[in-house]
Structures are given as C-alpha cells and as structure tokens.
C-alpha cells in the first residue's frame, strides 16, 4: 500500500541530499512542471530543459520553499514559470538561425514563428515576465493555470482584496507594456 506524499518530509530529505526523495519529488510534480513549461515555451525540448533546470535549482538549494507561504506544487510551478520566461528571453537574444535538422527545412509551409497568434503569445509571455514578481505570479495563477481569485487567495495565503488589487494593477501594467511594444512593431502608415 502506497503512503501519502508528504511535501515537508520530502523537502527535508532533499535538503539532506537524499536522492530517493528527489526522485519522489520529480515523480510527484515533474509532469505538472513540464506541462507549464511547455505551455509557455511551445517547444518540447525547451520545456524538458526548463523542467530539468527547475528541479536542479531545488536540488542545489538555490531556491527554498516555505510551507507557510504556499503549497509546494505552486512554488515549483512559479520556479518553472520564471525559468521558462528567462529561457524565452535567452532565445530572443540568441535566435536559432538554422534548423536543428534537415527535416525542419522550410517546405513551403508557413513557419510557426511567422504565425501572428504565436508571436502575440510569445510577446505576452515575455511582457508578463517584465512585471514585478508579486503581480506576474498572480497573473500566472489566474490566466495560465485558470485559478479563480478565491483559489489564488487560498493558494498564496493573501487576502482576497490584495489578490484582486495586484491582479488589476498587474493587468493595467501589462496593457501599457503591450501597447508600447505593439506601437514599436507596427509598420509606418502613410
């Protein structure tokens, strides 16, 4: 009979460099971390790398979880979100000019990166990454994970009014960033 997964016990064991506990953590939350990374990056290979980086940060104790501030899963997803956004920024600075394989050469089909919805989604994810963490984390929970305001308040242990205020201000700031960035990319009209 399987025992219940205990976040606190497992994290204490990981802090003591217990590899078995680390494997348990990965088995319990790896799919959720990968899923979020994939939704943000829309690339399986990059999502795998972000998943690996997320768990590596936990193993190397570059990030520490405080159970009083929220659930372990939410904390891992927040690390994954910011790692994925950092990866988007890195990819923008170092564009991949050549395809990874000959099979990926253009055969006349429109390129995914030329698709306007893909470009807008990528831009939106990048702009969310520019917001202060207290706003971007809540926007992530609300829009990328589909949580209600009440769920977010419970998950983050913030008052409901604070959640609503931070979401509102984050969305206003995001709108301003969106307008600034789309004005810069619009072609000149005569």
Protein backbone atom coordinates (compact mmCIF):
# COMPACT_ATOMS: atom_id res chain seq x y z
CA UNK A 1 0.00 0.00 0.00
CA UNK A 2 1.42 3.38 -1.04
CA UNK A 3 1.88 6.08 1.56
CA UNK A 4 0.70 9.63 1.04
CA UNK A 5 3.22 12.06 -0.41
CA UNK A 6 4.33 14.47 2.34
CA UNK A 7 5.80 17.67 0.86
CA UNK A 8 7.51 18.78 4.07
CA UNK A 9 9.17 15.43 4.77
CA UNK A 10 10.36 15.06 1.17
CA UNK A 11 11.81 18.58 1.07
CA UNK A 12 13.67 18.00 4.35
CA UNK A 13 15.13 14.81 2.88
CA UNK A 14 16.16 16.66 -0.28
CA UNK A 15 17.85 19.32 1.85
CA UNK A 16 19.88 16.43 3.28
CA UNK A 17 20.76 15.42 -0.32
CA UNK A 18 18.57 12.28 -0.33
CA UNK A 19 18.40 11.21 -3.98
CA UNK A 20 15.45 8.88 -3.40
CA UNK A 21 13.40 11.79 -2.04
CA UNK A 22 14.43 13.87 -5.05
CA UNK A 23 13.16 11.11 -7.36
CA UNK A 24 9.87 11.05 -5.43
CA UNK A 25 9.56 14.81 -5.83
CA UNK A 26 10.15 14.53 -9.57
CA UNK A 27 7.63 11.68 -9.93
CA UNK A 28 5.03 13.66 -7.99
CA UNK A 29 5.43 17.05 -9.71
CA UNK A 30 7.55 16.56 -12.83
CA UNK A 31 4.59 16.29 -15.20
CA UNK A 32 2.99 19.50 -13.87
CA UNK A 33 6.28 21.42 -14.14
CA UNK A 34 6.86 20.14 -17.70
CA UNK A 35 3.26 20.92 -18.69
CA UNK A 36 3.52 24.54 -17.59
CA UNK A 37 6.93 24.96 -19.24
CA UNK A 38 5.54 23.51 -22.47
CA UNK A 39 2.51 25.83 -22.40
CA UNK A 40 4.82 28.82 -22.05
CA UNK A 41 7.53 27.75 -24.50
CA UNK A 42 5.53 25.69 -27.02
CA UNK A 43 8.64 23.54 -27.54
CA UNK A 44 9.16 20.07 -26.07
CA UNK A 45 12.94 20.23 -25.93
CA UNK A 46 12.99 23.63 -24.23
CA UNK A 47 10.25 22.52 -21.83
CA UNK A 48 12.35 19.48 -20.87
CA UNK A 49 15.35 21.75 -20.24
CA UNK A 50 13.26 24.12 -18.11
CA UNK A 51 11.90 21.16 -16.14
CA UNK A 52 15.42 19.92 -15.53
CA UNK A 53 16.59 23.42 -14.54
CA UNK A 54 13.65 23.82 -12.15
CA UNK A 55 14.42 20.60 -10.29
CA UNK A 56 18.15 21.31 -10.39
CA UNK A 57 17.51 24.61 -8.57
CA UNK A 58 15.65 22.68 -5.89
CA UNK A 59 18.41 20.05 -5.59
CA UNK A 60 21.17 22.65 -5.41
CA UNK A 61 19.05 24.59 -2.89
CA UNK A 62 19.22 27.79 -4.92
CA UNK A 63 15.57 28.16 -4.04
CA UNK A 64 13.93 27.34 -0.74
CA UNK A 65 10.30 26.54 -0.10
CA UNK A 66 8.46 27.94 2.90
CA UNK A 67 5.37 25.81 3.61
CA UNK A 68 3.82 28.76 5.45
CA UNK A 69 3.72 30.76 2.21
CA UNK A 70 2.02 28.20 -0.02
CA UNK A 71 1.88 24.73 -1.47
CA UNK A 72 4.98 23.01 -2.79
CA UNK A 73 3.40 22.45 -6.19
CA UNK A 74 2.65 26.16 -6.59
CA UNK A 75 6.20 27.03 -5.57
CA UNK A 76 7.63 24.59 -8.13
CA UNK A 77 5.34 25.96 -10.83
CA UNK A 78 6.43 29.51 -10.00
CA UNK A 79 10.09 28.50 -10.38
CA UNK A 80 9.21 26.77 -13.65
CA UNK A 81 7.34 29.84 -14.90
CA UNK A 82 10.21 32.21 -14.26
CA UNK A 83 12.76 29.75 -15.63
CA UNK A 84 10.69 29.42 -18.82
CA UNK A 85 10.34 33.20 -19.17
CA UNK A 86 14.11 33.54 -18.72
CA UNK A 87 14.53 30.92 -21.44
CA UNK A 88 12.28 32.92 -23.79
CA UNK A 89 14.45 35.98 -23.18
CA UNK A 90 17.59 33.94 -23.82
CA UNK A 91 16.17 32.54 -27.05
CA UNK A 92 15.28 36.06 -28.23
CA UNK A 93 18.87 37.20 -27.64
CA UNK A 94 20.31 34.17 -29.44
CA UNK A 95 17.94 33.29 -32.26
CA UNK A 96 18.31 29.89 -33.86
CA UNK A 97 19.14 30.81 -37.46
CA UNK A 98 19.49 27.29 -38.80
CA UNK A 99 17.02 24.45 -38.27
CA UNK A 100 18.05 21.67 -35.89
CA UNK A 101 17.75 19.06 -38.63
CA UNK A 102 17.27 18.80 -42.36
CA UNK A 103 13.71 17.61 -41.72
CA UNK A 104 12.86 21.03 -40.33
CA UNK A 105 13.81 22.92 -43.51
CA UNK A 106 11.02 25.06 -44.93
CA UNK A 107 8.95 23.13 -47.46
CA UNK A 108 6.68 26.00 -48.37
CA UNK A 109 4.51 25.70 -45.28
CA UNK A 110 4.17 28.85 -43.17
CA UNK A 111 6.67 28.91 -40.32
CA UNK A 112 5.24 28.74 -36.83
CA UNK A 113 7.21 31.83 -35.79
CA UNK A 114 5.52 33.73 -38.62
CA UNK A 115 2.09 32.98 -37.20
CA UNK A 116 0.71 36.17 -35.65
CA UNK A 117 -1.05 34.36 -32.78
CA UNK A 118 2.20 32.60 -31.85
CA UNK A 119 4.09 35.90 -31.98
CA UNK A 120 1.48 37.63 -29.83
CA UNK A 121 1.51 34.77 -27.32
CA UNK A 122 5.29 34.86 -27.10
CA UNK A 123 5.24 38.63 -26.67
CA UNK A 124 2.59 38.38 -23.98
CA UNK A 125 4.59 35.78 -22.04
CA UNK A 126 7.70 37.96 -22.32
CA UNK A 127 5.81 41.04 -21.09
CA UNK A 128 4.36 39.13 -18.12
CA UNK A 129 7.95 38.28 -17.23
CA UNK A 130 8.74 42.01 -17.04
CA UNK A 131 6.14 42.63 -14.34
CA UNK A 132 7.07 42.65 -10.66
CA UNK A 133 7.07 39.10 -9.29
CA UNK A 134 4.13 39.73 -6.93
CA UNK A 135 1.97 40.61 -9.96
CA UNK A 136 3.32 38.17 -12.54
CA UNK A 137 2.94 35.19 -10.20
CA UNK A 138 -0.75 36.03 -9.65
CA UNK A 139 -1.34 36.57 -13.37
CA UNK A 140 0.25 33.18 -13.99
CA UNK A 141 -2.08 31.52 -11.48
CA UNK A 142 -5.15 33.28 -12.88
CA UNK A 143 -4.58 33.03 -16.61
CA UNK A 144 -2.04 30.28 -17.28
CA UNK A 145 -3.38 27.92 -14.60
CA UNK A 146 -7.03 29.03 -14.67
CA UNK A 147 -7.43 29.65 -10.95
CA UNK A 148 -10.21 31.87 -9.56
CA UNK A 149 -9.43 34.87 -7.36
CA UNK A 150 -10.61 32.90 -4.32
CA UNK A 151 -8.39 29.93 -5.26
CA UNK A 152 -5.41 32.25 -5.66
CA UNK A 153 -6.08 33.86 -2.27
CA UNK A 154 -6.19 30.42 -0.66
CA UNK A 155 -3.11 29.18 -2.54
CA UNK A 156 -0.97 32.23 -1.79
CA UNK A 157 -2.49 32.93 1.63
CA UNK A 158 -3.12 36.53 0.64
CA UNK A 159 -6.35 38.40 1.41
CA UNK A 160 -8.83 38.24 -1.48
CA UNK A 161 -8.78 42.05 -1.82
CA UNK A 162 -4.98 42.03 -2.16
CA UNK A 163 -5.18 39.37 -4.87
CA UNK A 164 -7.75 41.41 -6.81
CA UNK A 165 -5.77 44.66 -6.42
CA UNK A 166 -2.48 43.06 -7.52
CA UNK A 167 -4.14 41.36 -10.48
CA UNK A 168 -5.81 44.60 -11.54
CA UNK A 169 -2.59 46.61 -11.27
CA UNK A 170 -0.60 43.86 -13.00
CA UNK A 171 -3.09 43.72 -15.87
CA UNK A 172 -3.04 47.51 -16.22
CA UNK A 173 0.76 47.49 -16.32
CA UNK A 174 0.67 44.57 -18.79
CA UNK A 175 -1.73 46.53 -21.02
CA UNK A 176 0.64 49.52 -21.02
CA UNK A 177 3.60 47.29 -21.89
CA UNK A 178 1.55 45.64 -24.64
CA UNK A 179 0.57 48.98 -26.17
CA UNK A 180 4.17 50.23 -26.02
CA UNK A 181 5.54 47.11 -27.66
CA UNK A 182 2.91 46.90 -30.39
CA UNK A 183 3.36 50.58 -31.25
CA UNK A 184 7.08 49.93 -31.73
CA UNK A 185 6.44 46.99 -34.05
CA UNK A 186 3.69 48.50 -36.19
CA UNK A 187 4.76 49.49 -39.71
CA UNK A 188 4.63 53.16 -40.58
CA UNK A 189 1.45 54.20 -42.32
CA UNK A 190 1.26 56.90 -44.93
